[in-house]
Amino acid sequence: VLVKPRMRSFAYRALVSIPASYFA
């Protein structure tokens, strides 16, 4: 998704961005 970066919704950050950072 960061190939075309932009600020995402709260739902996306809660379900994807933050847990992805955690697991990485």
PDBML (XML) file of the C-alpha atoms, coordinates in Angstrom:
<?xml version="1.0" encoding="UTF-8" ?>
<PDBx:datablock datablockName="MODEL"
   xmlns:PDBx="http://pdbml.pdb.org/schema/pdbx-v50.xsd"
   xmlns:xsi="http://www.w3.org/2001/XMLSchema-instance"
   xsi:schemaLocation="http://pdbml.pdb.org/schema/pdbx-v50.xsd pdbx-v50.xsd">
   <PDBx:atom_siteCategory>
      <PDBx:atom_site id="1">
         <PDBx:B_iso_or_equiv>0.00</PDBx:B_iso_or_equiv>
         <PDBx:Cartn_x>0.000</PDBx:Cartn_x>
         <PDBx:Cartn_y>0.000</PDBx:Cartn_y>
         <PDBx:Cartn_z>0.000</PDBx:Cartn_z>
         <PDBx:auth_asym_id>A</PDBx:auth_asym_id>
         <PDBx:auth_atom_id>CA</PDBx:auth_atom_id>
         <PDBx:auth_comp_id>VAL</PDBx:auth_comp_id>
         <PDBx:auth_seq_id>1</PDBx:auth_seq_id>
         <PDBx:group_PDB>ATOM</PDBx:group_PDB>
         <PDBx:label_alt_id xsi:nil="true" />
         <PDBx:label_asym_id>A</PDBx:label_asym_id>
         <PDBx:label_atom_id>CA</PDBx:label_atom_id>
         <PDBx:label_comp_id>VAL</PDBx:label_comp_id>
         <PDBx:label_entity_id>1</PDBx:label_entity_id>
         <PDBx:label_seq_id>1</PDBx:label_seq_id>
         <PDBx:occupancy>1.00</PDBx:occupancy>
         <PDBx:pdbx_PDB_model_num>1</PDBx:pdbx_PDB_model_num>
         <PDBx:type_symbol>C</PDBx:type_symbol>
      </PDBx:atom_site>
      <PDBx:atom_site id="2">
         <PDBx:B_iso_or_equiv>0.00</PDBx:B_iso_or_equiv>
         <PDBx:Cartn_x>2.897</PDBx:Cartn_x>
         <PDBx:Cartn_y>2.360</PDBx:Cartn_y>
         <PDBx:Cartn_z>0.715</PDBx:Cartn_z>
         <PDBx:auth_asym_id>A</PDBx:auth_asym_id>
         <PDBx:auth_atom_id>CA</PDBx:auth_atom_id>
         <PDBx:auth_comp_id>LEU</PDBx:auth_comp_id>
         <PDBx:auth_seq_id>2</PDBx:auth_seq_id>
         <PDBx:group_PDB>ATOM</PDBx:group_PDB>
         <PDBx:label_alt_id xsi:nil="true" />
         <PDBx:label_asym_id>A</PDBx:label_asym_id>
         <PDBx:label_atom_id>CA</PDBx:label_atom_id>
         <PDBx:label_comp_id>LEU</PDBx:label_comp_id>
         <PDBx:label_entity_id>1</PDBx:label_entity_id>
         <PDBx:label_seq_id>2</PDBx:label_seq_id>
         <PDBx:occupancy>1.00</PDBx:occupancy>
         <PDBx:pdbx_PDB_model_num>1</PDBx:pdbx_PDB_model_num>
         <PDBx:type_symbol>C</PDBx:type_symbol>
      </PDBx:atom_site>
      <PDBx:atom_site id="3">
         <PDBx:B_iso_or_equiv>0.00</PDBx:B_iso_or_equiv>
         <PDBx:Cartn_x>3.839</PDBx:Cartn_x>
         <PDBx:Cartn_y>2.187</PDBx:Cartn_y>
         <PDBx:Cartn_z>-2.947</PDBx:Cartn_z>
         <PDBx:auth_asym_id>A</PDBx:auth_asym_id>
         <PDBx:auth_atom_id>CA</PDBx:auth_atom_id>
         <PDBx:auth_comp_id>VAL</PDBx:auth_comp_id>
         <PDBx:auth_seq_id>3</PDBx:auth_seq_id>
         <PDBx:group_PDB>ATOM</PDBx:group_PDB>
         <PDBx:label_alt_id xsi:nil="true" />
         <PDBx:label_asym_id>A</PDBx:label_asym_id>
         <PDBx:label_atom_id>CA</PDBx:label_atom_id>
         <PDBx:label_comp_id>VAL</PDBx:label_comp_id>
         <PDBx:label_entity_id>1</PDBx:label_entity_id>
         <PDBx:label_seq_id>3</PDBx:label_seq_id>
         <PDBx:occupancy>1.00</PDBx:occupancy>
         <PDBx:pdbx_PDB_model_num>1</PDBx:pdbx_PDB_model_num>
         <PDBx:type_symbol>C</PDBx:type_symbol>
      </PDBx:atom_site>
      <PDBx:atom_site id="4">
         <PDBx:B_iso_or_equiv>0.00</PDBx:B_iso_or_equiv>
         <PDBx:Cartn_x>1.137</PDBx:Cartn_x>
         <PDBx:Cartn_y>4.878</PDBx:Cartn_y>
         <PDBx:Cartn_z>-3.209</PDBx:Cartn_z>
         <PDBx:auth_asym_id>A</PDBx:auth_asym_id>
         <PDBx:auth_atom_id>CA</PDBx:auth_atom_id>
         <PDBx:auth_comp_id>LYS</PDBx:auth_comp_id>
         <PDBx:auth_seq_id>4</PDBx:auth_seq_id>
         <PDBx:group_PDB>ATOM</PDBx:group_PDB>
         <PDBx:label_alt_id xsi:nil="true" />
         <PDBx:label_asym_id>A</PDBx:label_asym_id>
         <PDBx:label_atom_id>CA</PDBx:label_atom_id>
         <PDBx:label_comp_id>LYS</PDBx:label_comp_id>
         <PDBx:label_entity_id>1</PDBx:label_entity_id>
         <PDBx:label_seq_id>4</PDBx:label_seq_id>
         <PDBx:occupancy>1.00</PDBx:occupancy>
         <PDBx:pdbx_PDB_model_num>1</PDBx:pdbx_PDB_model_num>
         <PDBx:type_symbol>C</PDBx:type_symbol>
      </PDBx:atom_site>
      <PDBx:atom_site id="5">
         <PDBx:B_iso_or_equiv>0.00</PDBx:B_iso_or_equiv>
         <PDBx:Cartn_x>1.307</PDBx:Cartn_x>
         <PDBx:Cartn_y>6.430</PDBx:Cartn_y>
         <PDBx:Cartn_z>0.266</PDBx:Cartn_z>
         <PDBx:auth_asym_id>A</PDBx:auth_asym_id>
         <PDBx:auth_atom_id>CA</PDBx:auth_atom_id>
         <PDBx:auth_comp_id>PRO</PDBx:auth_comp_id>
         <PDBx:auth_seq_id>5</PDBx:auth_seq_id>
         <PDBx:group_PDB>ATOM</PDBx:group_PDB>
         <PDBx:label_alt_id xsi:nil="true" />
         <PDBx:label_asym_id>A</PDBx:label_asym_id>
         <PDBx:label_atom_id>CA</PDBx:label_atom_id>
         <PDBx:label_comp_id>PRO</PDBx:label_comp_id>
         <PDBx:label_entity_id>1</PDBx:label_entity_id>
         <PDBx:label_seq_id>5</PDBx:label_seq_id>
         <PDBx:occupancy>1.00</PDBx:occupancy>
         <PDBx:pdbx_PDB_model_num>1</PDBx:pdbx_PDB_model_num>
         <PDBx:type_symbol>C</PDBx:type_symbol>
      </PDBx:atom_site>
      <PDBx:atom_site id="6">
         <PDBx:B_iso_or_equiv>0.00</PDBx:B_iso_or_equiv>
         <PDBx:Cartn_x>-1.449</PDBx:Cartn_x>
         <PDBx:Cartn_y>8.498</PDBx:Cartn_y>
         <PDBx:Cartn_z>1.854</PDBx:Cartn_z>
         <PDBx:auth_asym_id>A</PDBx:auth_asym_id>
         <PDBx:auth_atom_id>CA</PDBx:auth_atom_id>
         <PDBx:auth_comp_id>ARG</PDBx:auth_comp_id>
         <PDBx:auth_seq_id>6</PDBx:auth_seq_id>
         <PDBx:group_PDB>ATOM</PDBx:group_PDB>
         <PDBx:label_alt_id xsi:nil="true" />
         <PDBx:label_asym_id>A</PDBx:label_asym_id>
         <PDBx:label_atom_id>CA</PDBx:label_atom_id>
         <PDBx:label_comp_id>ARG</PDBx:label_comp_id>
         <PDBx:label_entity_id>1</PDBx:label_entity_id>
         <PDBx:label_seq_id>6</PDBx:label_seq_id>
         <PDBx:occupancy>1.00</PDBx:occupancy>
         <PDBx:pdbx_PDB_model_num>1</PDBx:pdbx_PDB_model_num>
         <PDBx:type_symbol>C</PDBx:type_symbol>
      </PDBx:atom_site>
      <PDBx:atom_site id="7">
         <PDBx:B_iso_or_equiv>0.00</PDBx:B_iso_or_equiv>
         <PDBx:Cartn_x>-3.008</PDBx:Cartn_x>
         <PDBx:Cartn_y>8.854</PDBx:Cartn_y>
         <PDBx:Cartn_z>5.290</PDBx:Cartn_z>
         <PDBx:auth_asym_id>A</PDBx:auth_asym_id>
         <PDBx:auth_atom_id>CA</PDBx:auth_atom_id>
         <PDBx:auth_comp_id>MET</PDBx:auth_comp_id>
         <PDBx:auth_seq_id>7</PDBx:auth_seq_id>
         <PDBx:group_PDB>ATOM</PDBx:group_PDB>
         <PDBx:label_alt_id xsi:nil="true" />
         <PDBx:label_asym_id>A</PDBx:label_asym_id>
         <PDBx:label_atom_id>CA</PDBx:label_atom_id>
         <PDBx:label_comp_id>MET</PDBx:label_comp_id>
         <PDBx:label_entity_id>1</PDBx:label_entity_id>
         <PDBx:label_seq_id>7</PDBx:label_seq_id>
         <PDBx:occupancy>1.00</PDBx:occupancy>
         <PDBx:pdbx_PDB_model_num>1</PDBx:pdbx_PDB_model_num>
         <PDBx:type_symbol>C</PDBx:type_symbol>
      </PDBx:atom_site>
      <PDBx:atom_site id="8">
         <PDBx:B_iso_or_equiv>0.00</PDBx:B_iso_or_equiv>
         <PDBx:Cartn_x>-5.413</PDBx:Cartn_x>
         <PDBx:Cartn_y>6.004</PDBx:Cartn_y>
         <PDBx:Cartn_z>5.991</PDBx:Cartn_z>
         <PDBx:auth_asym_id>A</PDBx:auth_asym_id>
         <PDBx:auth_atom_id>CA</PDBx:auth_atom_id>
         <PDBx:auth_comp_id>ARG</PDBx:auth_comp_id>
         <PDBx:auth_seq_id>8</PDBx:auth_seq_id>
         <PDBx:group_PDB>ATOM</PDBx:group_PDB>
         <PDBx:label_alt_id xsi:nil="true" />
         <PDBx:label_asym_id>A</PDBx:label_asym_id>
         <PDBx:label_atom_id>CA</PDBx:label_atom_id>
         <PDBx:label_comp_id>ARG</PDBx:label_comp_id>
         <PDBx:label_entity_id>1</PDBx:label_entity_id>
         <PDBx:label_seq_id>8</PDBx:label_seq_id>
         <PDBx:occupancy>1.00</PDBx:occupancy>
         <PDBx:pdbx_PDB_model_num>1</PDBx:pdbx_PDB_model_num>
         <PDBx:type_symbol>C</PDBx:type_symbol>
      </PDBx:atom_site>
      <PDBx:atom_site id="9">
         <PDBx:B_iso_or_equiv>0.00</PDBx:B_iso_or_equiv>
         <PDBx:Cartn_x>-8.588</PDBx:Cartn_x>
         <PDBx:Cartn_y>5.684</PDBx:Cartn_y>
         <PDBx:Cartn_z>8.024</PDBx:Cartn_z>
         <PDBx:auth_asym_id>A</PDBx:auth_asym_id>
         <PDBx:auth_atom_id>CA</PDBx:auth_atom_id>
         <PDBx:auth_comp_id>SER</PDBx:auth_comp_id>
         <PDBx:auth_seq_id>9</PDBx:auth_seq_id>
         <PDBx:group_PDB>ATOM</PDBx:group_PDB>
         <PDBx:label_alt_id xsi:nil="true" />
         <PDBx:label_asym_id>A</PDBx:label_asym_id>
         <PDBx:label_atom_id>CA</PDBx:label_atom_id>
         <PDBx:label_comp_id>SER</PDBx:label_comp_id>
         <PDBx:label_entity_id>1</PDBx:label_entity_id>
         <PDBx:label_seq_id>9</PDBx:label_seq_id>
         <PDBx:occupancy>1.00</PDBx:occupancy>
         <PDBx:pdbx_PDB_model_num>1</PDBx:pdbx_PDB_model_num>
         <PDBx:type_symbol>C</PDBx:type_symbol>
      </PDBx:atom_site>
      <PDBx:atom_site id="10">
         <PDBx:B_iso_or_equiv>0.00</PDBx:B_iso_or_equiv>
         <PDBx:Cartn_x>-8.682</PDBx:Cartn_x>
         <PDBx:Cartn_y>4.725</PDBx:Cartn_y>
         <PDBx:Cartn_z>11.694</PDBx:Cartn_z>
         <PDBx:auth_asym_id>A</PDBx:auth_asym_id>
         <PDBx:auth_atom_id>CA</PDBx:auth_atom_id>
         <PDBx:auth_comp_id>PHE</PDBx:auth_comp_id>
         <PDBx:auth_seq_id>10</PDBx:auth_seq_id>
         <PDBx:group_PDB>ATOM</PDBx:group_PDB>
         <PDBx:label_alt_id xsi:nil="true" />
         <PDBx:label_asym_id>A</PDBx:label_asym_id>
         <PDBx:label_atom_id>CA</PDBx:label_atom_id>
         <PDBx:label_comp_id>PHE</PDBx:label_comp_id>
         <PDBx:label_entity_id>1</PDBx:label_entity_id>
         <PDBx:label_seq_id>10</PDBx:label_seq_id>
         <PDBx:occupancy>1.00</PDBx:occupancy>
         <PDBx:pdbx_PDB_model_num>1</PDBx:pdbx_PDB_model_num>
         <PDBx:type_symbol>C</PDBx:type_symbol>
      </PDBx:atom_site>
      <PDBx:atom_site id="11">
         <PDBx:B_iso_or_equiv>0.00</PDBx:B_iso_or_equiv>
         <PDBx:Cartn_x>-9.998</PDBx:Cartn_x>
         <PDBx:Cartn_y>1.275</PDBx:Cartn_y>
         <PDBx:Cartn_z>10.770</PDBx:Cartn_z>
         <PDBx:auth_asym_id>A</PDBx:auth_asym_id>
         <PDBx:auth_atom_id>CA</PDBx:auth_atom_id>
         <PDBx:auth_comp_id>ALA</PDBx:auth_comp_id>
         <PDBx:auth_seq_id>11</PDBx:auth_seq_id>
         <PDBx:group_PDB>ATOM</PDBx:group_PDB>
         <PDBx:label_alt_id xsi:nil="true" />
         <PDBx:label_asym_id>A</PDBx:label_asym_id>
         <PDBx:label_atom_id>CA</PDBx:label_atom_id>
         <PDBx:label_comp_id>ALA</PDBx:label_comp_id>
         <PDBx:label_entity_id>1</PDBx:label_entity_id>
         <PDBx:label_seq_id>11</PDBx:label_seq_id>
         <PDBx:occupancy>1.00</PDBx:occupancy>
         <PDBx:pdbx_PDB_model_num>1</PDBx:pdbx_PDB_model_num>
         <PDBx:type_symbol>C</PDBx:type_symbol>
      </PDBx:atom_site>
      <PDBx:atom_site id="12">
         <PDBx:B_iso_or_equiv>0.00</PDBx:B_iso_or_equiv>
         <PDBx:Cartn_x>-7.101</PDBx:Cartn_x>
         <PDBx:Cartn_y>0.616</PDBx:Cartn_y>
         <PDBx:Cartn_z>8.384</PDBx:Cartn_z>
         <PDBx:auth_asym_id>A</PDBx:auth_asym_id>
         <PDBx:auth_atom_id>CA</PDBx:auth_atom_id>
         <PDBx:auth_comp_id>TYR</PDBx:auth_comp_id>
         <PDBx:auth_seq_id>12</PDBx:auth_seq_id>
         <PDBx:group_PDB>ATOM</PDBx:group_PDB>
         <PDBx:label_alt_id xsi:nil="true" />
         <PDBx:label_asym_id>A</PDBx:label_asym_id>
         <PDBx:label_atom_id>CA</PDBx:label_atom_id>
         <PDBx:label_comp_id>TYR</PDBx:label_comp_id>
         <PDBx:label_entity_id>1</PDBx:label_entity_id>
         <PDBx:label_seq_id>12</PDBx:label_seq_id>
         <PDBx:occupancy>1.00</PDBx:occupancy>
         <PDBx:pdbx_PDB_model_num>1</PDBx:pdbx_PDB_model_num>
         <PDBx:type_symbol>C</PDBx:type_symbol>
      </PDBx:atom_site>
      <PDBx:atom_site id="13">
         <PDBx:B_iso_or_equiv>0.00</PDBx:B_iso_or_equiv>
         <PDBx:Cartn_x>-4.532</PDBx:Cartn_x>
         <PDBx:Cartn_y>1.795</PDBx:Cartn_y>
         <PDBx:Cartn_z>10.907</PDBx:Cartn_z>
         <PDBx:auth_asym_id>A</PDBx:auth_asym_id>
         <PDBx:auth_atom_id>CA</PDBx:auth_atom_id>
         <PDBx:auth_comp_id>ARG</PDBx:auth_comp_id>
         <PDBx:auth_seq_id>13</PDBx:auth_seq_id>
         <PDBx:group_PDB>ATOM</PDBx:group_PDB>
         <PDBx:label_alt_id xsi:nil="true" />
         <PDBx:label_asym_id>A</PDBx:label_asym_id>
         <PDBx:label_atom_id>CA</PDBx:label_atom_id>
         <PDBx:label_comp_id>ARG</PDBx:label_comp_id>
         <PDBx:label_entity_id>1</PDBx:label_entity_id>
         <PDBx:label_seq_id>13</PDBx:label_seq_id>
         <PDBx:occupancy>1.00</PDBx:occupancy>
         <PDBx:pdbx_PDB_model_num>1</PDBx:pdbx_PDB_model_num>
         <PDBx:type_symbol>C</PDBx:type_symbol>
      </PDBx:atom_site>
      <PDBx:atom_site id="14">
         <PDBx:B_iso_or_equiv>0.00</PDBx:B_iso_or_equiv>
         <PDBx:Cartn_x>-6.111</PDBx:Cartn_x>
         <PDBx:Cartn_y>-0.328</PDBx:Cartn_y>
         <PDBx:Cartn_z>13.654</PDBx:Cartn_z>
         <PDBx:auth_asym_id>A</PDBx:auth_asym_id>
         <PDBx:auth_atom_id>CA</PDBx:auth_atom_id>
         <PDBx:auth_comp_id>ALA</PDBx:auth_comp_id>
         <PDBx:auth_seq_id>14</PDBx:auth_seq_id>
         <PDBx:group_PDB>ATOM</PDBx:group_PDB>
         <PDBx:label_alt_id xsi:nil="true" />
         <PDBx:label_asym_id>A</PDBx:label_asym_id>
         <PDBx:label_atom_id>CA</PDBx:label_atom_id>
         <PDBx:label_comp_id>ALA</PDBx:label_comp_id>
         <PDBx:label_entity_id>1</PDBx:label_entity_id>
         <PDBx:label_seq_id>14</PDBx:label_seq_id>
         <PDBx:occupancy>1.00</PDBx:occupancy>
         <PDBx:pdbx_PDB_model_num>1</PDBx:pdbx_PDB_model_num>
         <PDBx:type_symbol>C</PDBx:type_symbol>
      </PDBx:atom_site>
      <PDBx:atom_site id="15">
         <PDBx:B_iso_or_equiv>0.00</PDBx:B_iso_or_equiv>
         <PDBx:Cartn_x>-6.394</PDBx:Cartn_x>
         <PDBx:Cartn_y>-3.482</PDBx:Cartn_y>
         <PDBx:Cartn_z>11.541</PDBx:Cartn_z>
         <PDBx:auth_asym_id>A</PDBx:auth_asym_id>
         <PDBx:auth_atom_id>CA</PDBx:auth_atom_id>
         <PDBx:auth_comp_id>LEU</PDBx:auth_comp_id>
         <PDBx:auth_seq_id>15</PDBx:auth_seq_id>
         <PDBx:group_PDB>ATOM</PDBx:group_PDB>
         <PDBx:label_alt_id xsi:nil="true" />
         <PDBx:label_asym_id>A</PDBx:label_asym_id>
         <PDBx:label_atom_id>CA</PDBx:label_atom_id>
         <PDBx:label_comp_id>LEU</PDBx:label_comp_id>
         <PDBx:label_entity_id>1</PDBx:label_entity_id>
         <PDBx:label_seq_id>15</PDBx:label_seq_id>
         <PDBx:occupancy>1.00</PDBx:occupancy>
         <PDBx:pdbx_PDB_model_num>1</PDBx:pdbx_PDB_model_num>
         <PDBx:type_symbol>C</PDBx:type_symbol>
      </PDBx:atom_site>
      <PDBx:atom_site id="16">
         <PDBx:B_iso_or_equiv>0.00</PDBx:B_iso_or_equiv>
         <PDBx:Cartn_x>-3.338</PDBx:Cartn_x>
         <PDBx:Cartn_y>-3.174</PDBx:Cartn_y>
         <PDBx:Cartn_z>9.313</PDBx:Cartn_z>
         <PDBx:auth_asym_id>A</PDBx:auth_asym_id>
         <PDBx:auth_atom_id>CA</PDBx:auth_atom_id>
         <PDBx:auth_comp_id>VAL</PDBx:auth_comp_id>
         <PDBx:auth_seq_id>16</PDBx:auth_seq_id>
         <PDBx:group_PDB>ATOM</PDBx:group_PDB>
         <PDBx:label_alt_id xsi:nil="true" />
         <PDBx:label_asym_id>A</PDBx:label_asym_id>
         <PDBx:label_atom_id>CA</PDBx:label_atom_id>
         <PDBx:label_comp_id>VAL</PDBx:label_comp_id>
         <PDBx:label_entity_id>1</PDBx:label_entity_id>
         <PDBx:label_seq_id>16</PDBx:label_seq_id>
         <PDBx:occupancy>1.00</PDBx:occupancy>
         <PDBx:pdbx_PDB_model_num>1</PDBx:pdbx_PDB_model_num>
         <PDBx:type_symbol>C</PDBx:type_symbol>
      </PDBx:atom_site>
      <PDBx:atom_site id="17">
         <PDBx:B_iso_or_equiv>0.00</PDBx:B_iso_or_equiv>
         <PDBx:Cartn_x>-0.783</PDBx:Cartn_x>
         <PDBx:Cartn_y>-0.421</PDBx:Cartn_y>
         <PDBx:Cartn_z>9.995</PDBx:Cartn_z>
         <PDBx:auth_asym_id>A</PDBx:auth_asym_id>
         <PDBx:auth_atom_id>CA</PDBx:auth_atom_id>
         <PDBx:auth_comp_id>SER</PDBx:auth_comp_id>
         <PDBx:auth_seq_id>17</PDBx:auth_seq_id>
         <PDBx:group_PDB>ATOM</PDBx:group_PDB>
         <PDBx:label_alt_id xsi:nil="true" />
         <PDBx:label_asym_id>A</PDBx:label_asym_id>
         <PDBx:label_atom_id>CA</PDBx:label_atom_id>
         <PDBx:label_comp_id>SER</PDBx:label_comp_id>
         <PDBx:label_entity_id>1</PDBx:label_entity_id>
         <PDBx:label_seq_id>17</PDBx:label_seq_id>
         <PDBx:occupancy>1.00</PDBx:occupancy>
         <PDBx:pdbx_PDB_model_num>1</PDBx:pdbx_PDB_model_num>
         <PDBx:type_symbol>C</PDBx:type_symbol>
      </PDBx:atom_site>
      <PDBx:atom_site id="18">
         <PDBx:B_iso_or_equiv>0.00</PDBx:B_iso_or_equiv>
         <PDBx:Cartn_x>-0.331</PDBx:Cartn_x>
         <PDBx:Cartn_y>-0.845</PDBx:Cartn_y>
         <PDBx:Cartn_z>13.739</PDBx:Cartn_z>
         <PDBx:auth_asym_id>A</PDBx:auth_asym_id>
         <PDBx:auth_atom_id>CA</PDBx:auth_atom_id>
         <PDBx:auth_comp_id>ILE</PDBx:auth_comp_id>
         <PDBx:auth_seq_id>18</PDBx:auth_seq_id>
         <PDBx:group_PDB>ATOM</PDBx:group_PDB>
         <PDBx:label_alt_id xsi:nil="true" />
         <PDBx:label_asym_id>A</PDBx:label_asym_id>
         <PDBx:label_atom_id>CA</PDBx:label_atom_id>
         <PDBx:label_comp_id>ILE</PDBx:label_comp_id>
         <PDBx:label_entity_id>1</PDBx:label_entity_id>
         <PDBx:label_seq_id>18</PDBx:label_seq_id>
         <PDBx:occupancy>1.00</PDBx:occupancy>
         <PDBx:pdbx_PDB_model_num>1</PDBx:pdbx_PDB_model_num>
         <PDBx:type_symbol>C</PDBx:type_symbol>
      </PDBx:atom_site>
      <PDBx:atom_site id="19">
         <PDBx:B_iso_or_equiv>0.00</PDBx:B_iso_or_equiv>
         <PDBx:Cartn_x>-0.508</PDBx:Cartn_x>
         <PDBx:Cartn_y>-4.665</PDBx:Cartn_y>
         <PDBx:Cartn_z>13.950</PDBx:Cartn_z>
         <PDBx:auth_asym_id>A</PDBx:auth_asym_id>
         <PDBx:auth_atom_id>CA</PDBx:auth_atom_id>
         <PDBx:auth_comp_id>PRO</PDBx:auth_comp_id>
         <PDBx:auth_seq_id>19</PDBx:auth_seq_id>
         <PDBx:group_PDB>ATOM</PDBx:group_PDB>
         <PDBx:label_alt_id xsi:nil="true" />
         <PDBx:label_asym_id>A</PDBx:label_asym_id>
         <PDBx:label_atom_id>CA</PDBx:label_atom_id>
         <PDBx:label_comp_id>PRO</PDBx:label_comp_id>
         <PDBx:label_entity_id>1</PDBx:label_entity_id>
         <PDBx:label_seq_id>19</PDBx:label_seq_id>
         <PDBx:occupancy>1.00</PDBx:occupancy>
         <PDBx:pdbx_PDB_model_num>1</PDBx:pdbx_PDB_model_num>
         <PDBx:type_symbol>C</PDBx:type_symbol>
      </PDBx:atom_site>
      <PDBx:atom_site id="20">
         <PDBx:B_iso_or_equiv>0.00</PDBx:B_iso_or_equiv>
         <PDBx:Cartn_x>1.816</PDBx:Cartn_x>
         <PDBx:Cartn_y>-4.897</PDBx:Cartn_y>
         <PDBx:Cartn_z>10.922</PDBx:Cartn_z>
         <PDBx:auth_asym_id>A</PDBx:auth_asym_id>
         <PDBx:auth_atom_id>CA</PDBx:auth_atom_id>
         <PDBx:auth_comp_id>ALA</PDBx:auth_comp_id>
         <PDBx:auth_seq_id>20</PDBx:auth_seq_id>
         <PDBx:group_PDB>ATOM</PDBx:group_PDB>
         <PDBx:label_alt_id xsi:nil="true" />
         <PDBx:label_asym_id>A</PDBx:label_asym_id>
         <PDBx:label_atom_id>CA</PDBx:label_atom_id>
         <PDBx:label_comp_id>ALA</PDBx:label_comp_id>
         <PDBx:label_entity_id>1</PDBx:label_entity_id>
         <PDBx:label_seq_id>20</PDBx:label_seq_id>
         <PDBx:occupancy>1.00</PDBx:occupancy>
         <PDBx:pdbx_PDB_model_num>1</PDBx:pdbx_PDB_model_num>
         <PDBx:type_symbol>C</PDBx:type_symbol>
      </PDBx:atom_site>
      <PDBx:atom_site id="21">
         <PDBx:B_iso_or_equiv>0.00</PDBx:B_iso_or_equiv>
         <PDBx:Cartn_x>4.325</PDBx:Cartn_x>
         <PDBx:Cartn_y>-2.677</PDBx:Cartn_y>
         <PDBx:Cartn_z>12.717</PDBx:Cartn_z>
         <PDBx:auth_asym_id>A</PDBx:auth_asym_id>
         <PDBx:auth_atom_id>CA</PDBx:auth_atom_id>
         <PDBx:auth_comp_id>SER</PDBx:auth_comp_id>
         <PDBx:auth_seq_id>21</PDBx:auth_seq_id>
         <PDBx:group_PDB>ATOM</PDBx:group_PDB>
         <PDBx:label_alt_id xsi:nil="true" />
         <PDBx:label_asym_id>A</PDBx:label_asym_id>
         <PDBx:label_atom_id>CA</PDBx:label_atom_id>
         <PDBx:label_comp_id>SER</PDBx:label_comp_id>
         <PDBx:label_entity_id>1</PDBx:label_entity_id>
         <PDBx:label_seq_id>21</PDBx:label_seq_id>
         <PDBx:occupancy>1.00</PDBx:occupancy>
         <PDBx:pdbx_PDB_model_num>1</PDBx:pdbx_PDB_model_num>
         <PDBx:type_symbol>C</PDBx:type_symbol>
      </PDBx:atom_site>
      <PDBx:atom_site id="22">
         <PDBx:B_iso_or_equiv>0.00</PDBx:B_iso_or_equiv>
         <PDBx:Cartn_x>3.960</PDBx:Cartn_x>
         <PDBx:Cartn_y>-4.844</PDBx:Cartn_y>
         <PDBx:Cartn_z>15.816</PDBx:Cartn_z>
         <PDBx:auth_asym_id>A</PDBx:auth_asym_id>
         <PDBx:auth_atom_id>CA</PDBx:auth_atom_id>
         <PDBx:auth_comp_id>TYR</PDBx:auth_comp_id>
         <PDBx:auth_seq_id>22</PDBx:auth_seq_id>
         <PDBx:group_PDB>ATOM</PDBx:group_PDB>
         <PDBx:label_alt_id xsi:nil="true" />
         <PDBx:label_asym_id>A</PDBx:label_asym_id>
         <PDBx:label_atom_id>CA</PDBx:label_atom_id>
         <PDBx:label_comp_id>TYR</PDBx:label_comp_id>
         <PDBx:label_entity_id>1</PDBx:label_entity_id>
         <PDBx:label_seq_id>22</PDBx:label_seq_id>
         <PDBx:occupancy>1.00</PDBx:occupancy>
         <PDBx:pdbx_PDB_model_num>1</PDBx:pdbx_PDB_model_num>
         <PDBx:type_symbol>C</PDBx:type_symbol>
      </PDBx:atom_site>
      <PDBx:atom_site id="23">
         <PDBx:B_iso_or_equiv>0.00</PDBx:B_iso_or_equiv>
         <PDBx:Cartn_x>4.601</PDBx:Cartn_x>
         <PDBx:Cartn_y>-8.096</PDBx:Cartn_y>
         <PDBx:Cartn_z>13.979</PDBx:Cartn_z>
         <PDBx:auth_asym_id>A</PDBx:auth_asym_id>
         <PDBx:auth_atom_id>CA</PDBx:auth_atom_id>
         <PDBx:auth_comp_id>PHE</PDBx:auth_comp_id>
         <PDBx:auth_seq_id>23</PDBx:auth_seq_id>
         <PDBx:group_PDB>ATOM</PDBx:group_PDB>
         <PDBx:label_alt_id xsi:nil="true" />
         <PDBx:label_asym_id>A</PDBx:label_asym_id>
         <PDBx:label_atom_id>CA</PDBx:label_atom_id>
         <PDBx:label_comp_id>PHE</PDBx:label_comp_id>
         <PDBx:label_entity_id>1</PDBx:label_entity_id>
         <PDBx:label_seq_id>23</PDBx:label_seq_id>
         <PDBx:occupancy>1.00</PDBx:occupancy>
         <PDBx:pdbx_PDB_model_num>1</PDBx:pdbx_PDB_model_num>
         <PDBx:type_symbol>C</PDBx:type_symbol>
      </PDBx:atom_site>
      <PDBx:atom_site id="24">
         <PDBx:B_iso_or_equiv>0.00</PDBx:B_iso_or_equiv>
         <PDBx:Cartn_x>7.444</PDBx:Cartn_x>
         <PDBx:Cartn_y>-6.663</PDBx:Cartn_y>
         <PDBx:Cartn_z>11.872</PDBx:Cartn_z>
         <PDBx:auth_asym_id>A</PDBx:auth_asym_id>
         <PDBx:auth_atom_id>CA</PDBx:auth_atom_id>
         <PDBx:auth_comp_id>ALA</PDBx:auth_comp_id>
         <PDBx:auth_seq_id>24</PDBx:auth_seq_id>
         <PDBx:group_PDB>ATOM</PDBx:group_PDB>
         <PDBx:label_alt_id xsi:nil="true" />
         <PDBx:label_asym_id>A</PDBx:label_asym_id>
         <PDBx:label_atom_id>CA</PDBx:label_atom_id>
         <PDBx:label_comp_id>ALA</PDBx:label_comp_id>
         <PDBx:label_entity_id>1</PDBx:label_entity_id>
         <PDBx:label_seq_id>24</PDBx:label_seq_id>
         <PDBx:occupancy>1.00</PDBx:occupancy>
         <PDBx:pdbx_PDB_model_num>1</PDBx:pdbx_PDB_model_num>
         <PDBx:type_symbol>C</PDBx:type_symbol>
      </PDBx:atom_site>
   </PDBx:atom_siteCategory>
</PDBx:datablock>
